[in-house]
Amino acid sequence: MKIGCTCGATITDTGERLPTKAHVISDVDWLSLLDSIDEAIEEPSSADKDAACRRVRGLMRRLTRLAWQCAACGVLFVDNAEAELQRFVPGDEGVDRRLFRGAPSNQDPTQR
């Protein structure tokens, strides 16, 4: 997928572990997700764990929305509940253009 930003840059979604892409979970759904993870961890048998893991992954797919940030200007693009792309423009020029780069322990050392 390619997103054309209003600044003229193109955001490409060509794989996984992209520093310009994020999966967003609303605070309303956060505790449901954590409860589901707890259940998956606490299931007694391996068959139950497999089913619990599938439930967690399914729940995560249902609860998350995709988001992308333009590395050139910092504009955010976020899918709404109907998977329609919404655009959010930063309020000033000094906005961090690497909001989705990940936690330091998950970053590729060449990308810091």
C-alpha atoms as a PDB file:
ATOM      1  CA  MET A   1       0.000   0.000   0.000  1.00  0.00           C
ATOM      2  CA  LYS A   2       1.136   3.542  -0.705  1.00  0.00           C
ATOM      3  CA  ILE A   3      -0.172   6.708   0.907  1.00  0.00           C
ATOM      4  CA  GLY A   4       0.407  10.004  -0.838  1.00  0.00           C
ATOM      5  CA  CYS A   5       1.044  12.710   1.733  1.00  0.00           C
ATOM      6  CA  THR A   6      -0.015  16.293   1.125  1.00  0.00           C
ATOM      7  CA  CYS A   7       3.664  17.346   1.379  1.00  0.00           C
ATOM      8  CA  GLY A   8       4.413  15.258  -1.728  1.00  0.00           C
ATOM      9  CA  ALA A   9       6.156  12.369   0.041  1.00  0.00           C
ATOM     10  CA  THR A  10       4.949   8.792  -0.308  1.00  0.00           C
ATOM     11  CA  ILE A  11       4.475   6.493   2.679  1.00  0.00           C
ATOM     12  CA  THR A  12       4.934   2.873   1.685  1.00  0.00           C
ATOM     13  CA  ASP A  13       3.588  -0.055   3.663  1.00  0.00           C
ATOM     14  CA  THR A  14       5.736  -2.817   2.214  1.00  0.00           C
ATOM     15  CA  GLY A  15       6.272  -5.223   5.077  1.00  0.00           C
ATOM     16  CA  GLU A  16       6.697  -5.584   8.794  1.00  0.00           C
ATOM     17  CA  ARG A  17       8.703  -3.703  11.411  1.00  0.00           C
ATOM     18  CA  LEU A  18       8.256  -0.407   9.613  1.00  0.00           C
ATOM     19  CA  PRO A  19       9.325   2.660  11.632  1.00  0.00           C
ATOM     20  CA  THR A  20       6.527   4.708  10.032  1.00  0.00           C
ATOM     21  CA  LYS A  21       3.663   2.309  10.865  1.00  0.00           C
ATOM     22  CA  ALA A  22       1.852   1.518  14.117  1.00  0.00           C
ATOM     23  CA  HIS A  23      -1.024  -0.532  15.441  1.00  0.00           C
ATOM     24  CA  VAL A  24      -3.209   1.614  17.689  1.00  0.00           C
ATOM     25  CA  ILE A  25      -5.474   0.217  20.418  1.00  0.00           C
ATOM     26  CA  SER A  26      -8.006   2.474  22.093  1.00  0.00           C
ATOM     27  CA  ASP A  27      -7.915   2.797  25.852  1.00  0.00           C
ATOM     28  CA  VAL A  28     -11.494   1.492  25.909  1.00  0.00           C
ATOM     29  CA  ASP A  29     -10.283  -1.855  24.521  1.00  0.00           C
ATOM     30  CA  TRP A  30      -6.906  -2.065  26.302  1.00  0.00           C
ATOM     31  CA  LEU A  31      -8.110  -3.930  29.420  1.00  0.00           C
ATOM     32  CA  SER A  32     -10.029  -6.467  27.328  1.00  0.00           C
ATOM     33  CA  LEU A  33      -6.834  -7.225  25.471  1.00  0.00           C
ATOM     34  CA  LEU A  34      -4.816  -7.580  28.686  1.00  0.00           C
ATOM     35  CA  ASP A  35      -7.471  -9.894  30.167  1.00  0.00           C
ATOM     36  CA  SER A  36      -7.338 -12.049  27.047  1.00  0.00           C
ATOM     37  CA  ILE A  37      -3.539 -12.266  27.275  1.00  0.00           C
ATOM     38  CA  ASP A  38      -3.797 -13.249  30.953  1.00  0.00           C
ATOM     39  CA  GLU A  39      -6.225 -16.044  30.038  1.00  0.00           C
ATOM     40  CA  ALA A  40      -3.853 -17.307  27.345  1.00  0.00           C
ATOM     41  CA  ILE A  41      -0.972 -17.451  29.798  1.00  0.00           C
ATOM     42  CA  GLU A  42      -3.001 -19.173  32.496  1.00  0.00           C
ATOM     43  CA  GLU A  43      -4.613 -21.897  30.318  1.00  0.00           C
ATOM     44  CA  PRO A  44      -3.686 -25.360  31.693  1.00  0.00           C
ATOM     45  CA  SER A  45      -3.091 -27.564  28.638  1.00  0.00           C
ATOM     46  CA  SER A  46      -1.200 -26.990  25.393  1.00  0.00           C
ATOM     47  CA  ALA A  47      -4.391 -27.422  23.314  1.00  0.00           C
ATOM     48  CA  ASP A  48      -6.079 -24.755  25.427  1.00  0.00           C
ATOM     49  CA  LYS A  49      -3.029 -22.502  25.048  1.00  0.00           C
ATOM     50  CA  ASP A  50      -3.140 -22.807  21.262  1.00  0.00           C
ATOM     51  CA  ALA A  51      -6.814 -21.834  21.238  1.00  0.00           C
ATOM     52  CA  ALA A  52      -6.149 -18.974  23.681  1.00  0.00           C
ATOM     53  CA  CYS A  53      -3.299 -17.681  21.507  1.00  0.00           C
ATOM     54  CA  ARG A  54      -5.601 -17.691  18.471  1.00  0.00           C
ATOM     55  CA  ARG A  55      -8.227 -15.776  20.487  1.00  0.00           C
ATOM     56  CA  VAL A  56      -5.636 -13.168  21.535  1.00  0.00           C
ATOM     57  CA  ARG A  57      -4.393 -12.703  17.975  1.00  0.00           C
ATOM     58  CA  GLY A  58      -7.961 -12.421  16.683  1.00  0.00           C
ATOM     59  CA  LEU A  59      -8.824  -9.910  19.376  1.00  0.00           C
ATOM     60  CA  MET A  60      -5.735  -7.870  18.563  1.00  0.00           C
ATOM     61  CA  ARG A  61      -6.676  -7.785  14.873  1.00  0.00           C
ATOM     62  CA  ARG A  62     -10.206  -6.639  15.752  1.00  0.00           C
ATOM     63  CA  LEU A  63      -9.125  -4.005  18.292  1.00  0.00           C
ATOM     64  CA  THR A  64      -6.243  -2.382  16.464  1.00  0.00           C
ATOM     65  CA  ARG A  65      -6.313   0.308  13.862  1.00  0.00           C
ATOM     66  CA  LEU A  66      -3.405   0.977  11.576  1.00  0.00           C
ATOM     67  CA  ALA A  67      -1.549   4.270  11.580  1.00  0.00           C
ATOM     68  CA  TRP A  68       1.277   5.710   9.497  1.00  0.00           C
ATOM     69  CA  GLN A  69       3.437   8.787   9.893  1.00  0.00           C
ATOM     70  CA  CYS A  70       5.040  10.738   7.086  1.00  0.00           C
ATOM     71  CA  ALA A  71       8.786  10.849   7.765  1.00  0.00           C
ATOM     72  CA  ALA A  72       9.078  14.053   5.750  1.00  0.00           C
ATOM     73  CA  CYS A  73       6.495  16.278   7.480  1.00  0.00           C
ATOM     74  CA  GLY A  74       5.139  14.326  10.487  1.00  0.00           C
ATOM     75  CA  VAL A  75       1.507  14.093   9.321  1.00  0.00           C
ATOM     76  CA  LEU A  76      -0.332  11.113  10.813  1.00  0.00           C
ATOM     77  CA  PHE A  77      -2.686   8.902   8.856  1.00  0.00           C
ATOM     78  CA  VAL A  78      -4.961   6.663  10.947  1.00  0.00           C
ATOM     79  CA  ASP A  79      -7.656   4.211   9.905  1.00  0.00           C
ATOM     80  CA  ASN A  80     -11.007   4.874  11.553  1.00  0.00           C
ATOM     81  CA  ALA A  81     -13.397   2.093  12.648  1.00  0.00           C
ATOM     82  CA  GLU A  82     -14.528   1.666   9.022  1.00  0.00           C
ATOM     83  CA  ALA A  83     -10.889   1.406   7.777  1.00  0.00           C
ATOM     84  CA  GLU A  84     -11.140   4.836   6.149  1.00  0.00           C
ATOM     85  CA  LEU A  85      -7.900   6.800   6.241  1.00  0.00           C
ATOM     86  CA  GLN A  86      -7.999   9.935   8.397  1.00  0.00           C
ATOM     87  CA  ARG A  87      -5.281  12.638   8.246  1.00  0.00           C
ATOM     88  CA  PHE A  88      -3.950  14.550  11.260  1.00  0.00           C
ATOM     89  CA  VAL A  89      -1.640  17.514  10.745  1.00  0.00           C
ATOM     90  CA  PRO A  90       0.937  18.455  13.417  1.00  0.00           C
ATOM     91  CA  GLY A  91       0.461  21.796  15.125  1.00  0.00           C
ATOM     92  CA  ASP A  92       4.042  22.926  14.625  1.00  0.00           C
ATOM     93  CA  GLU A  93       7.181  22.212  12.607  1.00  0.00           C
ATOM     94  CA  GLY A  94       9.087  20.701  15.558  1.00  0.00           C
ATOM     95  CA  VAL A  95       6.968  17.535  15.804  1.00  0.00           C
ATOM     96  CA  ASP A  96       8.844  14.241  16.203  1.00  0.00           C
ATOM     97  CA  ARG A  97       8.786  12.561  12.790  1.00  0.00           C
ATOM     98  CA  ARG A  98       9.716   9.170  14.238  1.00  0.00           C
ATOM     99  CA  LEU A  99       6.809   8.551  16.619  1.00  0.00           C
ATOM    100  CA  PHE A 100       6.449   4.893  15.588  1.00  0.00           C
ATOM    101  CA  ARG A 101      10.120   3.913  15.638  1.00  0.00           C
ATOM    102  CA  GLY A 102       9.551   1.466  18.519  1.00  0.00           C
ATOM    103  CA  ALA A 103      10.995   0.959  21.962  1.00  0.00           C
ATOM    104  CA  PRO A 104      14.797   1.261  22.159  1.00  0.00           C
ATOM    105  CA  SER A 105      15.202  -2.470  22.816  1.00  0.00           C
ATOM    106  CA  ASN A 106      13.315  -3.287  19.571  1.00  0.00           C
ATOM    107  CA  GLN A 107      15.164  -0.888  17.288  1.00  0.00           C
ATOM    108  CA  ASP A 108      17.570  -1.956  14.628  1.00  0.00           C
ATOM    109  CA  PRO A 109      20.950  -0.464  15.685  1.00  0.00           C
ATOM    110  CA  THR A 110      21.419   0.864  12.158  1.00  0.00           C
ATOM    111  CA  GLN A 111      18.170   2.876  12.437  1.00  0.00           C
ATOM    112  CA  ARG A 112      18.989   4.895  15.578  1.00  0.00           C
END
